[in-house]
Amino acid sequence: MCFPVSETDRITLIRACIESSLAPTELDIIDESHLHIGHSGHGGAGHFKIRIVADKFNNQLPLARHRMVYATVDSLMPAEIHALSIEAIATDEIN
């Protein structure tokens, strides 16, 4: 990605990266950039909260799950994603 995109396009990019790599059964992406207006150092990139449920998280520790998510969106950081909050849940943890 060589140029900044809109928040809607950022969510689309994040979703595409995560879905292609982790095949989530649930995925919510919330743009929380408006909560960080005036925060210096982000260069226009966004703040996002992700809730993801995936089979690939089964038998994985929370740190490994987060690393898996970060690996999928690495190409979008720091140009499009400045901050990322992750809730990563294994499908075997869902009731």
PDB file of N, CA and C in Angstrom:
ATOM      1  N   MET A   1       0.859  -1.171   0.000  1.00  0.00           N
ATOM      2  CA  MET A   1       0.000   0.000   0.000  1.00  0.00           C
ATOM      3  C   MET A   1       0.898   1.225   0.000  1.00  0.00           C
ATOM      4  N   CYS A   2       0.802   2.042  -1.023  1.00  0.00           N
ATOM      5  CA  CYS A   2       1.678   3.194  -1.173  1.00  0.00           C
ATOM      6  C   CYS A   2       1.011   4.513  -0.838  1.00  0.00           C
ATOM      7  N   PHE A   3      -0.251   4.501  -0.523  1.00  0.00           N
ATOM      8  CA  PHE A   3      -0.959   5.748  -0.258  1.00  0.00           C
ATOM      9  C   PHE A   3      -2.000   5.514   0.829  1.00  0.00           C
ATOM     10  N   PRO A   4      -2.320   6.574   1.588  1.00  0.00           N
ATOM     11  CA  PRO A   4      -3.333   6.424   2.636  1.00  0.00           C
ATOM     12  C   PRO A   4      -4.705   6.151   2.030  1.00  0.00           C
ATOM     13  N   VAL A   5      -5.509   5.377   2.748  1.00  0.00           N
ATOM     14  CA  VAL A   5      -6.860   5.067   2.294  1.00  0.00           C
ATOM     15  C   VAL A   5      -7.858   5.506   3.362  1.00  0.00           C
ATOM     16  N   SER A   6      -9.132   5.482   3.027  1.00  0.00           N
ATOM     17  CA  SER A   6     -10.171   5.874   3.976  1.00  0.00           C
ATOM     18  C   SER A   6     -10.335   4.814   5.060  1.00  0.00           C
ATOM     19  N   GLU A   7     -11.026   5.196   6.143  1.00  0.00           N
ATOM     20  CA  GLU A   7     -11.266   4.249   7.229  1.00  0.00           C
ATOM     21  C   GLU A   7     -12.048   3.032   6.738  1.00  0.00           C
ATOM     22  N   THR A   8     -13.026   3.253   5.864  1.00  0.00           N
ATOM     23  CA  THR A   8     -13.802   2.140   5.316  1.00  0.00           C
ATOM     24  C   THR A   8     -12.889   1.201   4.540  1.00  0.00           C
ATOM     25  N   ASP A   9     -12.004   1.761   3.730  1.00  0.00           N
ATOM     26  CA  ASP A   9     -11.068   0.940   2.963  1.00  0.00           C
ATOM     27  C   ASP A   9     -10.092   0.217   3.890  1.00  0.00           C
ATOM     28  N   ARG A  10      -9.701   0.860   4.986  1.00  0.00           N
ATOM     29  CA  ARG A  10      -8.803   0.210   5.945  1.00  0.00           C
ATOM     30  C   ARG A  10      -9.473  -1.025   6.536  1.00  0.00           C
ATOM     31  N   ILE A  11     -10.728  -0.896   6.920  1.00  0.00           N
ATOM     32  CA  ILE A  11     -11.439  -2.043   7.482  1.00  0.00           C
ATOM     33  C   ILE A  11     -11.540  -3.151   6.444  1.00  0.00           C
ATOM     34  N   THR A  12     -11.802  -2.803   5.203  1.00  0.00           N
ATOM     35  CA  THR A  12     -11.866  -3.785   4.121  1.00  0.00           C
ATOM     36  C   THR A  12     -10.526  -4.489   3.953  1.00  0.00           C
ATOM     37  N   LEU A  13      -9.440  -3.740   4.000  1.00  0.00           N
ATOM     38  CA  LEU A  13      -8.100  -4.328   3.876  1.00  0.00           C
ATOM     39  C   LEU A  13      -7.787  -5.256   5.045  1.00  0.00           C
ATOM     40  N   ILE A  14      -8.091  -4.801   6.256  1.00  0.00           N
ATOM     41  CA  ILE A  14      -7.849  -5.620   7.446  1.00  0.00           C
ATOM     42  C   ILE A  14      -8.654  -6.913   7.357  1.00  0.00           C
ATOM     43  N   ARG A  15      -9.934  -6.782   7.014  1.00  0.00           N
ATOM     44  CA  ARG A  15     -10.812  -7.953   6.898  1.00  0.00           C
ATOM     45  C   ARG A  15     -10.256  -8.942   5.862  1.00  0.00           C
ATOM     46  N   ALA A  16      -9.836  -8.441   4.725  1.00  0.00           N
ATOM     47  CA  ALA A  16      -9.309  -9.318   3.664  1.00  0.00           C
ATOM     48  C   ALA A  16      -8.062 -10.066   4.133  1.00  0.00           C
ATOM     49  N   CYS A  17      -7.163  -9.367   4.797  1.00  0.00           N
ATOM     50  CA  CYS A  17      -5.941 -10.017   5.301  1.00  0.00           C
ATOM     51  C   CYS A  17      -6.263 -11.105   6.302  1.00  0.00           C
ATOM     52  N   ILE A  18      -7.137 -10.794   7.250  1.00  0.00           N
ATOM     53  CA  ILE A  18      -7.467 -11.755   8.307  1.00  0.00           C
ATOM     54  C   ILE A  18      -8.250 -12.935   7.755  1.00  0.00           C
ATOM     55  N   GLU A  19      -9.242 -12.666   6.923  1.00  0.00           N
ATOM     56  CA  GLU A  19     -10.059 -13.766   6.393  1.00  0.00           C
ATOM     57  C   GLU A  19      -9.237 -14.718   5.537  1.00  0.00           C
ATOM     58  N   SER A  20      -8.314 -14.191   4.756  1.00  0.00           N
ATOM     59  CA  SER A  20      -7.535 -15.066   3.878  1.00  0.00           C
ATOM     60  C   SER A  20      -6.549 -15.936   4.644  1.00  0.00           C
ATOM     61  N   SER A  21      -6.066 -15.450   5.773  1.00  0.00           N
ATOM     62  CA  SER A  21      -5.065 -16.202   6.531  1.00  0.00           C
ATOM     63  C   SER A  21      -5.633 -17.050   7.658  1.00  0.00           C
ATOM     64  N   LEU A  22      -6.644 -16.531   8.340  1.00  0.00           N
ATOM     65  CA  LEU A  22      -7.115 -17.196   9.556  1.00  0.00           C
ATOM     66  C   LEU A  22      -8.502 -17.826   9.431  1.00  0.00           C
ATOM     67  N   ALA A  23      -9.214 -17.554   8.354  1.00  0.00           N
ATOM     68  CA  ALA A  23     -10.546 -18.128   8.120  1.00  0.00           C
ATOM     69  C   ALA A  23     -11.426 -18.076   9.374  1.00  0.00           C
ATOM     70  N   PRO A  24     -11.668 -16.886   9.903  1.00  0.00           N
ATOM     71  CA  PRO A  24     -12.435 -16.789  11.145  1.00  0.00           C
ATOM     72  C   PRO A  24     -13.896 -17.197  10.969  1.00  0.00           C
ATOM     73  N   THR A  25     -14.464 -17.726  12.045  1.00  0.00           N
ATOM     74  CA  THR A  25     -15.897 -18.015  12.056  1.00  0.00           C
ATOM     75  C   THR A  25     -16.667 -16.765  12.468  1.00  0.00           C
ATOM     76  N   GLU A  26     -15.990 -15.855  13.171  1.00  0.00           N
ATOM     77  CA  GLU A  26     -16.548 -14.555  13.529  1.00  0.00           C
ATOM     78  C   GLU A  26     -15.434 -13.528  13.432  1.00  0.00           C
ATOM     79  N   LEU A  27     -15.777 -12.336  12.945  1.00  0.00           N
ATOM     80  CA  LEU A  27     -14.793 -11.268  12.857  1.00  0.00           C
ATOM     81  C   LEU A  27     -15.501  -9.926  12.938  1.00  0.00           C
ATOM     82  N   ASP A  28     -15.173  -9.164  13.973  1.00  0.00           N
ATOM     83  CA  ASP A  28     -15.678  -7.805  14.125  1.00  0.00           C
ATOM     84  C   ASP A  28     -14.485  -6.871  14.141  1.00  0.00           C
ATOM     85  N   ILE A  29     -14.557  -5.826  13.332  1.00  0.00           N
ATOM     86  CA  ILE A  29     -13.499  -4.828  13.276  1.00  0.00           C
ATOM     87  C   ILE A  29     -14.144  -3.476  13.545  1.00  0.00           C
ATOM     88  N   ILE A  30     -13.679  -2.810  14.584  1.00  0.00           N
ATOM     89  CA  ILE A  30     -14.242  -1.520  14.970  1.00  0.00           C
ATOM     90  C   ILE A  30     -13.160  -0.460  14.840  1.00  0.00           C
ATOM     91  N   ASP A  31     -13.479   0.598  14.121  1.00  0.00           N
ATOM     92  CA  ASP A  31     -12.566   1.724  13.985  1.00  0.00           C
ATOM     93  C   ASP A  31     -12.742   2.627  15.198  1.00  0.00           C
ATOM     94  N   GLU A  32     -11.712   2.725  16.017  1.00  0.00           N
ATOM     95  CA  GLU A  32     -11.743   3.562  17.208  1.00  0.00           C
ATOM     96  C   GLU A  32     -10.879   4.812  17.040  1.00  0.00           C
ATOM     97  N   SER A  33     -10.579   5.156  15.808  1.00  0.00           N
ATOM     98  CA  SER A  33      -9.711   6.306  15.543  1.00  0.00           C
ATOM     99  C   SER A  33     -10.262   7.600  16.119  1.00  0.00           C
ATOM    100  N   HIS A  34     -11.586   7.734  16.112  1.00  0.00           N
ATOM    101  CA  HIS A  34     -12.195   8.963  16.620  1.00  0.00           C
ATOM    102  C   HIS A  34     -11.907   9.180  18.107  1.00  0.00           C
ATOM    103  N   LEU A  35     -11.566   8.127  18.819  1.00  0.00           N
ATOM    104  CA  LEU A  35     -11.232   8.240  20.239  1.00  0.00           C
ATOM    105  C   LEU A  35      -9.817   8.766  20.458  1.00  0.00           C
ATOM    106  N   HIS A  36      -9.049   8.863  19.388  1.00  0.00           N
ATOM    107  CA  HIS A  36      -7.642   9.234  19.493  1.00  0.00           C
ATOM    108  C   HIS A  36      -7.315  10.490  18.686  1.00  0.00           C
ATOM    109  N   ILE A  37      -8.318  11.307  18.425  1.00  0.00           N
ATOM    110  CA  ILE A  37      -8.090  12.544  17.680  1.00  0.00           C
ATOM    111  C   ILE A  37      -7.102  13.404  18.451  1.00  0.00           C
ATOM    112  N   GLY A  38      -6.113  13.905  17.737  1.00  0.00           N
ATOM    113  CA  GLY A  38      -5.085  14.728  18.355  1.00  0.00           C
ATOM    114  C   GLY A  38      -3.905  13.928  18.876  1.00  0.00           C
ATOM    115  N   HIS A  39      -3.985  12.609  18.832  1.00  0.00           N
ATOM    116  CA  HIS A  39      -2.893  11.747  19.263  1.00  0.00           C
ATOM    117  C   HIS A  39      -1.756  11.874  18.254  1.00  0.00           C
ATOM    118  N   SER A  40      -0.638  12.370  18.701  1.00  0.00           N
ATOM    119  CA  SER A  40       0.475  12.579  17.777  1.00  0.00           C
ATOM    120  C   SER A  40       1.184  11.269  17.465  1.00  0.00           C
ATOM    121  N   GLY A  41       1.853  11.247  16.335  1.00  0.00           N
ATOM    122  CA  GLY A  41       2.692  10.120  15.986  1.00  0.00           C
ATOM    123  C   GLY A  41       2.033   9.032  15.171  1.00  0.00           C
ATOM    124  N   HIS A  42       0.733   9.149  14.885  1.00  0.00           N
ATOM    125  CA  HIS A  42       0.095   8.070  14.132  1.00  0.00           C
ATOM    126  C   HIS A  42       0.121   8.316  12.641  1.00  0.00           C
ATOM    127  N   GLY A  43       0.463   9.524  12.203  1.00  0.00           N
ATOM    128  CA  GLY A  43       0.619   9.809  10.778  1.00  0.00           C
ATOM    129  C   GLY A  43      -0.621   9.559   9.948  1.00  0.00           C
ATOM    130  N   GLY A  44      -1.802   9.624  10.561  1.00  0.00           N
ATOM    131  CA  GLY A  44      -3.045   9.416   9.833  1.00  0.00           C
ATOM    132  C   GLY A  44      -3.532   7.980   9.840  1.00  0.00           C
ATOM    133  N   ALA A  45      -2.726   7.063  10.343  1.00  0.00           N
ATOM    134  CA  ALA A  45      -3.145   5.664  10.416  1.00  0.00           C
ATOM    135  C   ALA A  45      -4.191   5.493  11.513  1.00  0.00           C
ATOM    136  N   GLY A  46      -4.955   4.406  11.443  1.00  0.00           N
ATOM    137  CA  GLY A  46      -6.084   4.228  12.341  1.00  0.00           C
ATOM    138  C   GLY A  46      -5.831   3.363  13.557  1.00  0.00           C
ATOM    139  N   HIS A  47      -6.760   3.495  14.503  1.00  0.00           N
ATOM    140  CA  HIS A  47      -6.802   2.683  15.719  1.00  0.00           C
ATOM    141  C   HIS A  47      -7.981   1.730  15.569  1.00  0.00           C
ATOM    142  N   PHE A  48      -7.727   0.455  15.711  1.00  0.00           N
ATOM    143  CA  PHE A  48      -8.773  -0.543  15.483  1.00  0.00           C
ATOM    144  C   PHE A  48      -8.855  -1.543  16.626  1.00  0.00           C
ATOM    145  N   LYS A  49     -10.073  -2.024  16.844  1.00  0.00           N
ATOM    146  CA  LYS A  49     -10.342  -3.089  17.811  1.00  0.00           C
ATOM    147  C   LYS A  49     -10.876  -4.279  17.017  1.00  0.00           C
ATOM    148  N   ILE A  50     -10.289  -5.436  17.255  1.00  0.00           N
ATOM    149  CA  ILE A  50     -10.677  -6.640  16.529  1.00  0.00           C
ATOM    150  C   ILE A  50     -11.132  -7.709  17.519  1.00  0.00           C
ATOM    151  N   ARG A  51     -12.265  -8.309  17.224  1.00  0.00           N
ATOM    152  CA  ARG A  51     -12.730  -9.510  17.940  1.00  0.00           C
ATOM    153  C   ARG A  51     -12.810 -10.600  16.890  1.00  0.00           C
ATOM    154  N   ILE A  52     -12.041 -11.658  17.104  1.00  0.00           N
ATOM    155  CA  ILE A  52     -11.953 -12.721  16.115  1.00  0.00           C
ATOM    156  C   ILE A  52     -12.072 -14.086  16.793  1.00  0.00           C
ATOM    157  N   VAL A  53     -12.868 -14.945  16.186  1.00  0.00           N
ATOM    158  CA  VAL A  53     -13.013 -16.333  16.621  1.00  0.00           C
ATOM    159  C   VAL A  53     -12.554 -17.196  15.454  1.00  0.00           C
ATOM    160  N   ALA A  54     -11.642 -18.119  15.737  1.00  0.00           N
ATOM    161  CA  ALA A  54     -11.113 -18.947  14.642  1.00  0.00           C
ATOM    162  C   ALA A  54     -10.684 -20.324  15.134  1.00  0.00           C
ATOM    163  N   ASP A  55     -10.863 -21.316  14.281  1.00  0.00           N
ATOM    164  CA  ASP A  55     -10.402 -22.674  14.564  1.00  0.00           C
ATOM    165  C   ASP A  55      -8.887 -22.709  14.755  1.00  0.00           C
ATOM    166  N   LYS A  56      -8.183 -21.865  14.012  1.00  0.00           N
ATOM    167  CA  LYS A  56      -6.719 -21.868  14.074  1.00  0.00           C
ATOM    168  C   LYS A  56      -6.194 -21.458  15.444  1.00  0.00           C
ATOM    169  N   PHE A  57      -7.038 -20.905  16.292  1.00  0.00           N
ATOM    170  CA  PHE A  57      -6.632 -20.528  17.641  1.00  0.00           C
ATOM    171  C   PHE A  57      -6.770 -21.677  18.639  1.00  0.00           C
ATOM    172  N   ASN A  58      -7.440 -22.757  18.236  1.00  0.00           N
ATOM    173  CA  ASN A  58      -7.591 -23.905  19.129  1.00  0.00           C
ATOM    174  C   ASN A  58      -6.207 -24.401  19.550  1.00  0.00           C
ATOM    175  N   ASN A  59      -6.038 -24.665  20.836  1.00  0.00           N
ATOM    176  CA  ASN A  59      -4.780 -25.163  21.408  1.00  0.00           C
ATOM    177  C   ASN A  59      -3.626 -24.174  21.297  1.00  0.00           C
ATOM    178  N   GLN A  60      -3.944 -22.890  21.098  1.00  0.00           N
ATOM    179  CA  GLN A  60      -2.919 -21.845  21.044  1.00  0.00           C
ATOM    180  C   GLN A  60      -3.057 -20.936  22.261  1.00  0.00           C
ATOM    181  N   LEU A  61      -1.953 -20.540  22.840  1.00  0.00           N
ATOM    182  CA  LEU A  61      -1.968 -19.587  23.943  1.00  0.00           C
ATOM    183  C   LEU A  61      -2.332 -18.198  23.410  1.00  0.00           C
ATOM    184  N   PRO A  62      -2.857 -17.332  24.278  1.00  0.00           N
ATOM    185  CA  PRO A  62      -3.249 -15.987  23.832  1.00  0.00           C
ATOM    186  C   PRO A  62      -2.133 -15.234  23.095  1.00  0.00           C
ATOM    187  N   LEU A  63      -0.906 -15.309  23.566  1.00  0.00           N
ATOM    188  CA  LEU A  63       0.189 -14.605  22.899  1.00  0.00           C
ATOM    189  C   LEU A  63       0.392 -15.118  21.479  1.00  0.00           C
ATOM    190  N   ALA A  64       0.299 -16.422  21.287  1.00  0.00           N
ATOM    191  CA  ALA A  64       0.441 -17.003  19.943  1.00  0.00           C
ATOM    192  C   ALA A  64      -0.689 -16.536  19.033  1.00  0.00           C
ATOM    193  N   ARG A  65      -1.893 -16.435  19.572  1.00  0.00           N
ATOM    194  CA  ARG A  65      -3.042 -15.959  18.790  1.00  0.00           C
ATOM    195  C   ARG A  65      -2.810 -14.531  18.326  1.00  0.00           C
ATOM    196  N   HIS A  66      -2.346 -13.687  19.232  1.00  0.00           N
ATOM    197  CA  HIS A  66      -2.089 -12.289  18.877  1.00  0.00           C
ATOM    198  C   HIS A  66      -1.000 -12.195  17.811  1.00  0.00           C
ATOM    199  N   ARG A  67       0.018 -13.001  17.956  1.00  0.00           N
ATOM    200  CA  ARG A  67       1.087 -13.009  16.952  1.00  0.00           C
ATOM    201  C   ARG A  67       0.559 -13.429  15.587  1.00  0.00           C
ATOM    202  N   MET A  68      -0.369 -14.377  15.574  1.00  0.00           N
ATOM    203  CA  MET A  68      -0.967 -14.815  14.312  1.00  0.00           C
ATOM    204  C   MET A  68      -1.733 -13.665  13.653  1.00  0.00           C
ATOM    205  N   VAL A  69      -2.488 -12.919  14.453  1.00  0.00           N
ATOM    206  CA  VAL A  69      -3.245 -11.786  13.911  1.00  0.00           C
ATOM    207  C   VAL A  69      -2.289 -10.707  13.414  1.00  0.00           C
ATOM    208  N   TYR A  70      -1.296 -10.357  14.226  1.00  0.00           N
ATOM    209  CA  TYR A  70      -0.334  -9.340  13.798  1.00  0.00           C
ATOM    210  C   TYR A  70       0.383  -9.755  12.510  1.00  0.00           C
ATOM    211  N   ALA A  71       0.708 -11.021  12.368  1.00  0.00           N
ATOM    212  CA  ALA A  71       1.382 -11.489  11.150  1.00  0.00           C
ATOM    213  C   ALA A  71       0.508 -11.282   9.917  1.00  0.00           C
ATOM    214  N   THR A  72      -0.818 -11.402  10.076  1.00  0.00           N
ATOM    215  CA  THR A  72      -1.702 -11.254   8.923  1.00  0.00           C
ATOM    216  C   THR A  72      -1.853  -9.804   8.475  1.00  0.00           C
ATOM    217  N   VAL A  73      -1.687  -8.853   9.397  1.00  0.00           N
ATOM    218  CA  VAL A  73      -1.883  -7.436   9.052  1.00  0.00           C
ATOM    219  C   VAL A  73      -0.564  -6.665   9.018  1.00  0.00           C
ATOM    220  N   ASP A  74       0.534  -7.363   9.107  1.00  0.00           N
ATOM    221  CA  ASP A  74       1.853  -6.728   9.157  1.00  0.00           C
ATOM    222  C   ASP A  74       2.085  -5.749   8.007  1.00  0.00           C
ATOM    223  N   SER A  75       1.612  -6.071   6.825  1.00  0.00           N
ATOM    224  CA  SER A  75       1.833  -5.199   5.665  1.00  0.00           C
ATOM    225  C   SER A  75       1.075  -3.873   5.775  1.00  0.00           C
ATOM    226  N   LEU A  76       0.099  -3.799   6.676  1.00  0.00           N
ATOM    227  CA  LEU A  76      -0.695  -2.576   6.848  1.00  0.00           C
ATOM    228  C   LEU A  76      -0.163  -1.689   7.964  1.00  0.00           C
ATOM    229  N   MET A  77       0.851  -2.147   8.672  1.00  0.00           N
ATOM    230  CA  MET A  77       1.404  -1.382   9.781  1.00  0.00           C
ATOM    231  C   MET A  77       2.735  -0.793   9.362  1.00  0.00           C
ATOM    232  N   PRO A  78       3.027   0.423   9.691  1.00  0.00           N
ATOM    233  CA  PRO A  78       2.239   1.413  10.411  1.00  0.00           C
ATOM    234  C   PRO A  78       1.478   2.379   9.512  1.00  0.00           C
ATOM    235  N   ALA A  79       1.509   2.166   8.207  1.00  0.00           N
ATOM    236  CA  ALA A  79       0.887   3.133   7.294  1.00  0.00           C
ATOM    237  C   ALA A  79      -0.624   3.224   7.460  1.00  0.00           C
ATOM    238  N   GLU A  80      -1.302   2.097   7.616  1.00  0.00           N
ATOM    239  CA  GLU A  80      -2.765   2.095   7.725  1.00  0.00           C
ATOM    240  C   GLU A  80      -3.265   1.779   9.133  1.00  0.00           C
ATOM    241  N   ILE A  81      -2.488   1.002   9.878  1.00  0.00           N
ATOM    242  CA  ILE A  81      -2.857   0.663  11.258  1.00  0.00           C
ATOM    243  C   ILE A  81      -1.799   1.235  12.187  1.00  0.00           C
ATOM    244  N   HIS A  82      -2.241   2.095  13.096  1.00  0.00           N
ATOM    245  CA  HIS A  82      -1.326   2.636  14.100  1.00  0.00           C
ATOM    246  C   HIS A  82      -1.414   1.824  15.388  1.00  0.00           C
ATOM    247  N   ALA A  83      -2.628   1.445  15.765  1.00  0.00           N
ATOM    248  CA  ALA A  83      -2.828   0.696  17.002  1.00  0.00           C
ATOM    249  C   ALA A  83      -3.897  -0.367  16.771  1.00  0.00           C
ATOM    250  N   LEU A  84      -3.711  -1.500  17.446  1.00  0.00           N
ATOM    251  CA  LEU A  84      -4.603  -2.630  17.260  1.00  0.00           C
ATOM    252  C   LEU A  84      -4.869  -3.286  18.612  1.00  0.00           C
ATOM    253  N   SER A  85      -6.135  -3.384  18.956  1.00  0.00           N
ATOM    254  CA  SER A  85      -6.557  -4.098  20.160  1.00  0.00           C
ATOM    255  C   SER A  85      -7.198  -5.400  19.686  1.00  0.00           C
ATOM    256  N   ILE A  86      -6.757  -6.521  20.250  1.00  0.00           N
ATOM    257  CA  ILE A  86      -7.186  -7.831  19.748  1.00  0.00           C
ATOM    258  C   ILE A  86      -7.833  -8.659  20.848  1.00  0.00           C
ATOM    259  N   GLU A  87      -9.005  -9.199  20.530  1.00  0.00           N
ATOM    260  CA  GLU A  87      -9.621 -10.236  21.350  1.00  0.00           C
ATOM    261  C   GLU A  87      -9.680 -11.470  20.452  1.00  0.00           C
ATOM    262  N   ALA A  88      -8.809 -12.426  20.707  1.00  0.00           N
ATOM    263  CA  ALA A  88      -8.689 -13.620  19.869  1.00  0.00           C
ATOM    264  C   ALA A  88      -9.213 -14.829  20.641  1.00  0.00           C
ATOM    265  N   ILE A  89     -10.243 -15.462  20.106  1.00  0.00           N
ATOM    266  CA  ILE A  89     -10.948 -16.544  20.791  1.00  0.00           C
ATOM    267  C   ILE A  89     -10.910 -17.793  19.932  1.00  0.00           C
ATOM    268  N   ALA A  90     -10.595 -18.915  20.567  1.00  0.00           N
ATOM    269  CA  ALA A  90     -10.608 -20.196  19.865  1.00  0.00           C
ATOM    270  C   ALA A  90     -12.045 -20.696  19.762  1.00  0.00           C
ATOM    271  N   THR A  91     -12.363 -21.362  18.671  1.00  0.00           N
ATOM    272  CA  THR A  91     -13.734 -21.870  18.504  1.00  0.00           C
ATOM    273  C   THR A  91     -14.088 -22.882  19.587  1.00  0.00           C
ATOM    274  N   ASP A  92     -13.101 -23.596  20.105  1.00  0.00           N
ATOM    275  CA  ASP A  92     -13.407 -24.566  21.157  1.00  0.00           C
ATOM    276  C   ASP A  92     -13.678 -23.912  22.512  1.00  0.00           C
ATOM    277  N   GLU A  93     -13.567 -22.593  22.585  1.00  0.00           N
ATOM    278  CA  GLU A  93     -13.886 -21.849  23.804  1.00  0.00           C
ATOM    279  C   GLU A  93     -15.305 -21.263  23.776  1.00  0.00           C
ATOM    280  N   ILE A  94     -15.948 -21.337  22.619  1.00  0.00           N
ATOM    281  CA  ILE A  94     -17.305 -20.807  22.462  1.00  0.00           C
ATOM    282  C   ILE A  94     -18.292 -21.853  22.953  1.00  0.00           C
ATOM    283  N   ASN A  95     -19.277 -21.394  23.684  1.00  0.00           N
ATOM    284  CA  ASN A  95     -20.291 -22.339  24.223  1.00  0.00           C
ATOM    285  C   ASN A  95     -21.108 -22.947  23.133  1.00  0.00           C
TER     286      ASN A  95
END
